[in-house]
Amino acid sequence: MEVIHKIGRRKKSVARVYLSKGKGTYSINGKSLKEYFPTDILQYKVNQPFAITETSSSYDVKVNVYGGGINGQAESVRLAISRALCQIDEENRPALKKEGLLTRDPRMVERKKFGQKKARKKFQFSKR
């Protein structure tokens, strides 16, 4: 099996994932999974596609991720891994789709408007 390359995005973060047959090792920007994503929740998000398809220790994952915060990065990695697993085996698609892992989350930060304090918040109005 050759190396499969997929891209996942979330907010401002972009993850490039390279999946190949192996023992289940992670390399995220040259660091291990526990080193790059220290909390259990973030590690769970990254491992979710493998847990659903029951391919936990079948593939080595190499990731280049940049932009955004740590949570957006974890979710972008999850999307890229899900897409790669669908390319490897089409039978993974219904299970991943049911969990919503193949949907690109379109929500972005709303821009700040001029004449206002933030995107929606206004400056205090004084009647007198």
N, C-alpha and C. Protein backbone atom coordinates (compact mmCIF):
# COMPACT_ATOMS: atom_id res chain seq x y z
N MET A 1 0.84 -1.20 0.00
CA MET A 1 0.00 0.00 0.00
C MET A 1 0.88 1.25 0.00
N GLU A 2 0.55 2.17 -0.85
CA GLU A 2 1.31 3.42 -0.90
C GLU A 2 0.82 4.38 0.19
N VAL A 3 1.46 5.50 0.29
CA VAL A 3 1.09 6.51 1.28
C VAL A 3 -0.11 7.29 0.75
N ILE A 4 -1.12 7.46 1.61
CA ILE A 4 -2.32 8.21 1.23
C ILE A 4 -2.25 9.58 1.87
N HIS A 5 -2.47 10.61 1.06
CA HIS A 5 -2.38 12.00 1.49
C HIS A 5 -3.76 12.64 1.44
N LYS A 6 -4.20 13.22 2.56
CA LYS A 6 -5.49 13.91 2.63
C LYS A 6 -5.35 15.19 3.45
N ILE A 7 -6.25 16.14 3.18
CA ILE A 7 -6.23 17.43 3.88
C ILE A 7 -7.53 17.60 4.64
N GLY A 8 -7.42 18.10 5.87
CA GLY A 8 -8.59 18.44 6.68
C GLY A 8 -8.47 19.87 7.17
N ARG A 9 -9.60 20.56 7.24
CA ARG A 9 -9.59 21.95 7.70
C ARG A 9 -10.65 22.16 8.76
N ARG A 10 -10.38 23.11 9.67
CA ARG A 10 -11.33 23.51 10.71
C ARG A 10 -10.94 24.90 11.18
N LYS A 11 -11.84 25.87 11.09
CA LYS A 11 -11.57 27.27 11.41
C LYS A 11 -10.36 27.73 10.59
N LYS A 12 -9.27 28.10 11.25
CA LYS A 12 -8.08 28.57 10.51
C LYS A 12 -7.00 27.50 10.39
N SER A 13 -7.23 26.31 10.94
CA SER A 13 -6.18 25.29 10.92
C SER A 13 -6.30 24.37 9.71
N VAL A 14 -5.15 23.96 9.19
CA VAL A 14 -5.08 23.06 8.04
C VAL A 14 -4.17 21.89 8.43
N ALA A 15 -4.66 20.67 8.23
CA ALA A 15 -3.89 19.47 8.56
C ALA A 15 -3.67 18.65 7.29
N ARG A 16 -2.41 18.32 7.04
CA ARG A 16 -2.05 17.42 5.95
C ARG A 16 -1.66 16.09 6.57
N VAL A 17 -2.41 15.03 6.24
CA VAL A 17 -2.20 13.72 6.85
C VAL A 17 -1.67 12.75 5.81
N TYR A 18 -0.64 11.98 6.19
CA TYR A 18 -0.06 10.95 5.35
C TYR A 18 -0.24 9.62 6.08
N LEU A 19 -1.09 8.74 5.53
CA LEU A 19 -1.41 7.47 6.15
C LEU A 19 -0.71 6.34 5.41
N SER A 20 -0.03 5.46 6.15
CA SER A 20 0.62 4.30 5.55
C SER A 20 0.49 3.12 6.50
N LYS A 21 0.62 1.89 5.95
CA LYS A 21 0.55 0.69 6.78
C LYS A 21 1.65 0.73 7.83
N GLY A 22 1.31 0.29 9.04
CA GLY A 22 2.32 0.31 10.10
C GLY A 22 1.78 -0.21 11.41
N LYS A 23 2.37 0.28 12.49
CA LYS A 23 2.05 -0.21 13.83
C LYS A 23 1.16 0.74 14.64
N GLY A 24 0.76 1.86 14.05
CA GLY A 24 -0.11 2.80 14.76
C GLY A 24 0.64 3.93 15.43
N THR A 25 1.79 4.33 14.88
CA THR A 25 2.55 5.44 15.46
C THR A 25 2.08 6.76 14.86
N TYR A 26 2.16 7.80 15.68
CA TYR A 26 1.79 9.15 15.25
C TYR A 26 3.02 10.04 15.22
N SER A 27 3.10 10.89 14.20
CA SER A 27 4.12 11.93 14.15
C SER A 27 3.42 13.21 13.72
N ILE A 28 3.19 14.10 14.69
CA ILE A 28 2.48 15.35 14.42
C ILE A 28 3.48 16.49 14.57
N ASN A 29 3.81 17.09 13.44
CA ASN A 29 4.85 18.14 13.40
C ASN A 29 6.13 17.68 14.10
N GLY A 30 6.49 16.42 13.90
CA GLY A 30 7.72 15.87 14.47
C GLY A 30 7.60 15.44 15.92
N LYS A 31 6.41 15.52 16.51
CA LYS A 31 6.21 15.14 17.91
C LYS A 31 5.23 13.97 17.97
N SER A 32 5.20 13.31 19.13
CA SER A 32 4.25 12.21 19.32
C SER A 32 2.86 12.78 19.60
N LEU A 33 1.86 11.90 19.58
CA LEU A 33 0.48 12.31 19.82
C LEU A 33 0.31 12.91 21.21
N LYS A 34 0.85 12.24 22.23
CA LYS A 34 0.70 12.71 23.62
C LYS A 34 1.46 14.01 23.86
N GLU A 35 2.52 14.20 23.11
CA GLU A 35 3.33 15.42 23.25
C GLU A 35 2.63 16.62 22.61
N TYR A 36 2.05 16.41 21.43
CA TYR A 36 1.44 17.52 20.68
C TYR A 36 0.05 17.85 21.20
N PHE A 37 -0.76 16.81 21.47
CA PHE A 37 -2.10 17.00 22.03
C PHE A 37 -2.10 16.44 23.45
N PRO A 38 -1.81 17.27 24.46
CA PRO A 38 -1.59 16.76 25.81
C PRO A 38 -2.85 16.25 26.53
N THR A 39 -4.02 16.77 26.22
CA THR A 39 -5.22 16.37 26.96
C THR A 39 -5.86 15.12 26.35
N ASP A 40 -6.58 14.39 27.20
CA ASP A 40 -7.24 13.15 26.76
C ASP A 40 -8.33 13.42 25.73
N ILE A 41 -9.02 14.55 25.87
CA ILE A 41 -10.11 14.89 24.95
C ILE A 41 -9.58 15.08 23.53
N LEU A 42 -8.47 15.80 23.40
CA LEU A 42 -7.87 16.03 22.08
C LEU A 42 -7.35 14.73 21.48
N GLN A 43 -6.74 13.88 22.31
CA GLN A 43 -6.25 12.58 21.83
C GLN A 43 -7.41 11.70 21.39
N TYR A 44 -8.54 11.78 22.13
CA TYR A 44 -9.73 11.02 21.76
C TYR A 44 -10.26 11.48 20.40
N LYS A 45 -10.28 12.79 20.17
CA LYS A 45 -10.76 13.33 18.90
C LYS A 45 -9.92 12.82 17.73
N VAL A 46 -8.61 12.80 17.90
CA VAL A 46 -7.71 12.36 16.83
C VAL A 46 -7.87 10.86 16.58
N ASN A 47 -8.08 10.07 17.65
CA ASN A 47 -8.20 8.62 17.52
C ASN A 47 -9.59 8.15 17.13
N GLN A 48 -10.57 9.02 17.16
CA GLN A 48 -11.97 8.65 16.92
C GLN A 48 -12.21 7.89 15.62
N PRO A 49 -11.67 8.34 14.46
CA PRO A 49 -11.91 7.60 13.22
C PRO A 49 -11.38 6.15 13.28
N PHE A 50 -10.22 5.96 13.91
CA PHE A 50 -9.66 4.62 14.04
C PHE A 50 -10.50 3.74 14.97
N ALA A 51 -11.04 4.34 16.04
CA ALA A 51 -11.86 3.59 16.98
C ALA A 51 -13.17 3.13 16.33
N ILE A 52 -13.75 4.00 15.51
CA ILE A 52 -15.02 3.67 14.86
C ILE A 52 -14.83 2.57 13.81
N THR A 53 -13.74 2.67 13.04
CA THR A 53 -13.50 1.68 11.98
C THR A 53 -12.71 0.46 12.48
N GLU A 54 -12.33 0.46 13.76
CA GLU A 54 -11.59 -0.63 14.40
C GLU A 54 -10.28 -0.94 13.68
N THR A 55 -9.53 0.11 13.36
CA THR A 55 -8.23 -0.03 12.70
C THR A 55 -7.16 0.70 13.53
N SER A 56 -7.23 0.56 14.86
CA SER A 56 -6.41 1.35 15.77
C SER A 56 -4.91 1.28 15.50
N SER A 57 -4.37 0.07 15.37
CA SER A 57 -2.92 -0.06 15.24
C SER A 57 -2.54 -0.61 13.86
N SER A 58 -3.28 -0.22 12.83
CA SER A 58 -3.01 -0.72 11.49
C SER A 58 -2.22 0.26 10.64
N TYR A 59 -2.27 1.55 10.99
CA TYR A 59 -1.68 2.58 10.14
C TYR A 59 -0.77 3.52 10.93
N ASP A 60 0.32 3.93 10.27
CA ASP A 60 1.18 4.98 10.81
C ASP A 60 0.67 6.31 10.26
N VAL A 61 0.63 7.31 11.12
CA VAL A 61 0.08 8.62 10.75
C VAL A 61 1.16 9.67 10.88
N LYS A 62 1.41 10.38 9.78
CA LYS A 62 2.33 11.52 9.79
C LYS A 62 1.51 12.76 9.45
N VAL A 63 1.58 13.78 10.30
CA VAL A 63 0.73 14.96 10.15
C VAL A 63 1.57 16.23 10.15
N ASN A 64 1.24 17.12 9.21
CA ASN A 64 1.73 18.49 9.25
C ASN A 64 0.50 19.36 9.47
N VAL A 65 0.46 20.08 10.59
CA VAL A 65 -0.70 20.90 10.91
C VAL A 65 -0.24 22.29 11.33
N TYR A 66 -0.98 23.30 10.86
CA TYR A 66 -0.63 24.67 11.22
C TYR A 66 -1.90 25.52 11.26
N GLY A 67 -1.79 26.67 11.92
CA GLY A 67 -2.89 27.63 11.98
C GLY A 67 -3.90 27.28 13.06
N GLY A 68 -4.60 28.30 13.54
CA GLY A 68 -5.68 28.09 14.50
C GLY A 68 -5.18 27.67 15.87
N GLY A 69 -6.11 27.23 16.70
CA GLY A 69 -5.78 26.78 18.05
C GLY A 69 -5.64 25.28 18.10
N ILE A 70 -5.38 24.77 19.29
CA ILE A 70 -5.11 23.34 19.45
C ILE A 70 -6.36 22.50 19.21
N ASN A 71 -7.53 23.00 19.57
CA ASN A 71 -8.78 22.26 19.38
C ASN A 71 -9.13 22.18 17.89
N GLY A 72 -9.00 23.31 17.18
CA GLY A 72 -9.25 23.32 15.74
C GLY A 72 -8.28 22.42 15.00
N GLN A 73 -7.04 22.37 15.47
CA GLN A 73 -6.05 21.50 14.85
C GLN A 73 -6.41 20.03 15.04
N ALA A 74 -6.86 19.67 16.24
CA ALA A 74 -7.24 18.28 16.51
C ALA A 74 -8.42 17.88 15.62
N GLU A 75 -9.38 18.77 15.45
CA GLU A 75 -10.55 18.44 14.63
C GLU A 75 -10.20 18.40 13.14
N SER A 76 -9.24 19.21 12.71
CA SER A 76 -8.82 19.15 11.31
C SER A 76 -8.05 17.86 11.03
N VAL A 77 -7.26 17.40 11.98
CA VAL A 77 -6.55 16.12 11.85
C VAL A 77 -7.57 14.98 11.78
N ARG A 78 -8.60 15.05 12.61
CA ARG A 78 -9.66 14.02 12.62
C ARG A 78 -10.36 13.92 11.27
N LEU A 79 -10.66 15.08 10.67
CA LEU A 79 -11.33 15.08 9.37
C LEU A 79 -10.44 14.47 8.29
N ALA A 80 -9.16 14.83 8.30
CA ALA A 80 -8.22 14.31 7.30
C ALA A 80 -8.05 12.79 7.43
N ILE A 81 -7.95 12.30 8.67
CA ILE A 81 -7.82 10.86 8.88
C ILE A 81 -9.08 10.13 8.41
N SER A 82 -10.24 10.71 8.68
CA SER A 82 -11.51 10.10 8.25
C SER A 82 -11.57 10.01 6.73
N ARG A 83 -11.16 11.07 6.06
CA ARG A 83 -11.16 11.07 4.59
C ARG A 83 -10.20 10.01 4.04
N ALA A 84 -9.04 9.87 4.68
CA ALA A 84 -8.05 8.88 4.24
C ALA A 84 -8.57 7.46 4.43
N LEU A 85 -9.25 7.21 5.55
CA LEU A 85 -9.79 5.87 5.81
C LEU A 85 -10.90 5.52 4.81
N CYS A 86 -11.63 6.54 4.35
CA CYS A 86 -12.66 6.30 3.33
C CYS A 86 -12.03 5.94 1.99
N GLN A 87 -10.90 6.56 1.69
CA GLN A 87 -10.22 6.25 0.43
C GLN A 87 -9.64 4.83 0.47
N ILE A 88 -9.13 4.42 1.62
CA ILE A 88 -8.57 3.08 1.76
C ILE A 88 -9.66 2.02 1.58
N ASP A 89 -10.79 2.20 2.27
CA ASP A 89 -11.87 1.22 2.20
C ASP A 89 -13.21 1.94 2.24
N GLU A 90 -13.98 1.81 1.17
CA GLU A 90 -15.28 2.49 1.06
C GLU A 90 -16.29 1.99 2.10
N GLU A 91 -16.05 0.82 2.68
CA GLU A 91 -16.96 0.28 3.68
C GLU A 91 -16.89 1.06 4.99
N ASN A 92 -15.83 1.84 5.18
CA ASN A 92 -15.71 2.69 6.38
C ASN A 92 -16.63 3.90 6.31
N ARG A 93 -17.03 4.27 5.10
CA ARG A 93 -17.77 5.52 4.88
C ARG A 93 -19.08 5.63 5.68
N PRO A 94 -19.98 4.63 5.64
CA PRO A 94 -21.24 4.79 6.38
C PRO A 94 -21.06 4.99 7.88
N ALA A 95 -20.12 4.26 8.49
CA ALA A 95 -19.89 4.38 9.93
C ALA A 95 -19.36 5.76 10.29
N LEU A 96 -18.40 6.26 9.48
CA LEU A 96 -17.82 7.58 9.74
C LEU A 96 -18.84 8.70 9.47
N LYS A 97 -19.65 8.52 8.43
CA LYS A 97 -20.65 9.52 8.08
C LYS A 97 -21.72 9.62 9.16
N LYS A 98 -22.09 8.47 9.72
CA LYS A 98 -23.10 8.44 10.78
C LYS A 98 -22.64 9.23 12.01
N GLU A 99 -21.36 9.16 12.31
CA GLU A 99 -20.79 9.90 13.44
C GLU A 99 -20.51 11.37 13.10
N GLY A 100 -20.66 11.74 11.83
CA GLY A 100 -20.44 13.13 11.42
C GLY A 100 -18.97 13.50 11.25
N LEU A 101 -18.12 12.51 11.01
CA LEU A 101 -16.69 12.78 10.91
C LEU A 101 -16.26 13.16 9.50
N LEU A 102 -17.15 13.04 8.51
CA LEU A 102 -16.79 13.40 7.14
C LEU A 102 -17.32 14.79 6.77
N THR A 103 -17.96 15.46 7.71
CA THR A 103 -18.53 16.78 7.45
C THR A 103 -17.52 17.85 7.84
N ARG A 104 -17.24 18.74 6.91
CA ARG A 104 -16.34 19.87 7.16
C ARG A 104 -17.15 20.92 7.91
N ASP A 105 -16.74 21.27 9.13
CA ASP A 105 -17.47 22.24 9.94
C ASP A 105 -17.21 23.64 9.38
N PRO A 106 -18.24 24.32 8.84
CA PRO A 106 -18.01 25.58 8.14
C PRO A 106 -17.93 26.80 9.06
N ARG A 107 -18.16 26.63 10.36
CA ARG A 107 -18.22 27.79 11.25
C ARG A 107 -16.85 28.45 11.39
N MET A 108 -16.83 29.76 11.13
CA MET A 108 -15.60 30.55 11.24
C MET A 108 -15.87 31.73 12.18
N VAL A 109 -14.81 32.39 12.61
CA VAL A 109 -14.95 33.57 13.45
C VAL A 109 -15.51 34.71 12.61
N GLU A 110 -16.54 35.37 13.13
CA GLU A 110 -17.16 36.48 12.42
C GLU A 110 -16.25 37.70 12.53
N ARG A 111 -16.14 38.46 11.44
CA ARG A 111 -15.23 39.61 11.44
C ARG A 111 -15.77 40.74 12.30
N LYS A 112 -14.84 41.55 12.83
CA LYS A 112 -15.20 42.73 13.60
C LYS A 112 -15.65 43.82 12.64
N LYS A 113 -16.73 44.51 13.00
CA LYS A 113 -17.23 45.60 12.16
C LYS A 113 -16.76 46.93 12.71
N PHE A 114 -16.56 47.89 11.81
CA PHE A 114 -16.14 49.22 12.24
C PHE A 114 -17.30 49.91 12.97
N GLY A 115 -16.97 50.78 13.91
CA GLY A 115 -18.00 51.47 14.69
C GLY A 115 -18.60 50.58 15.77
N GLN A 116 -18.03 49.39 15.96
CA GLN A 116 -18.49 48.49 17.00
C GLN A 116 -17.30 47.98 17.79
N LYS A 117 -17.60 47.49 19.01
CA LYS A 117 -16.55 47.00 19.89
C LYS A 117 -16.00 45.65 19.40
N LYS A 118 -16.91 44.74 19.01
CA LYS A 118 -16.55 43.42 18.50
C LYS A 118 -17.43 43.11 17.29
N ALA A 119 -17.60 41.84 16.95
CA ALA A 119 -18.40 41.47 15.79
C ALA A 119 -19.87 41.87 15.97
N ARG A 120 -20.42 41.59 17.15
CA ARG A 120 -21.82 41.90 17.42
C ARG A 120 -21.99 42.97 18.49
N LYS A 121 -21.04 43.05 19.43
CA LYS A 121 -21.16 43.97 20.55
C LYS A 121 -20.97 45.41 20.10
N LYS A 122 -21.83 46.30 20.59
CA LYS A 122 -21.74 47.71 20.24
C LYS A 122 -21.11 48.49 21.38
N PHE A 123 -20.70 49.72 21.09
CA PHE A 123 -20.27 50.62 22.14
C PHE A 123 -21.50 51.03 22.94
N GLN A 124 -21.30 51.40 24.21
CA GLN A 124 -22.43 51.75 25.07
C GLN A 124 -23.13 52.98 24.51
N PHE A 125 -24.48 52.90 24.41
CA PHE A 125 -25.27 54.00 23.89
C PHE A 125 -25.69 54.91 25.02
N SER A 126 -25.44 56.21 24.85
CA SER A 126 -25.82 57.20 25.86
C SER A 126 -26.90 58.10 25.27
N LYS A 127 -28.06 58.09 25.90
CA LYS A 127 -29.17 58.91 25.40
C LYS A 127 -28.94 60.38 25.69
N ARG A 128 -28.35 60.69 26.86
CA ARG A 128 -28.10 62.11 27.23
C ARG A 128 -26.65 62.33 27.54
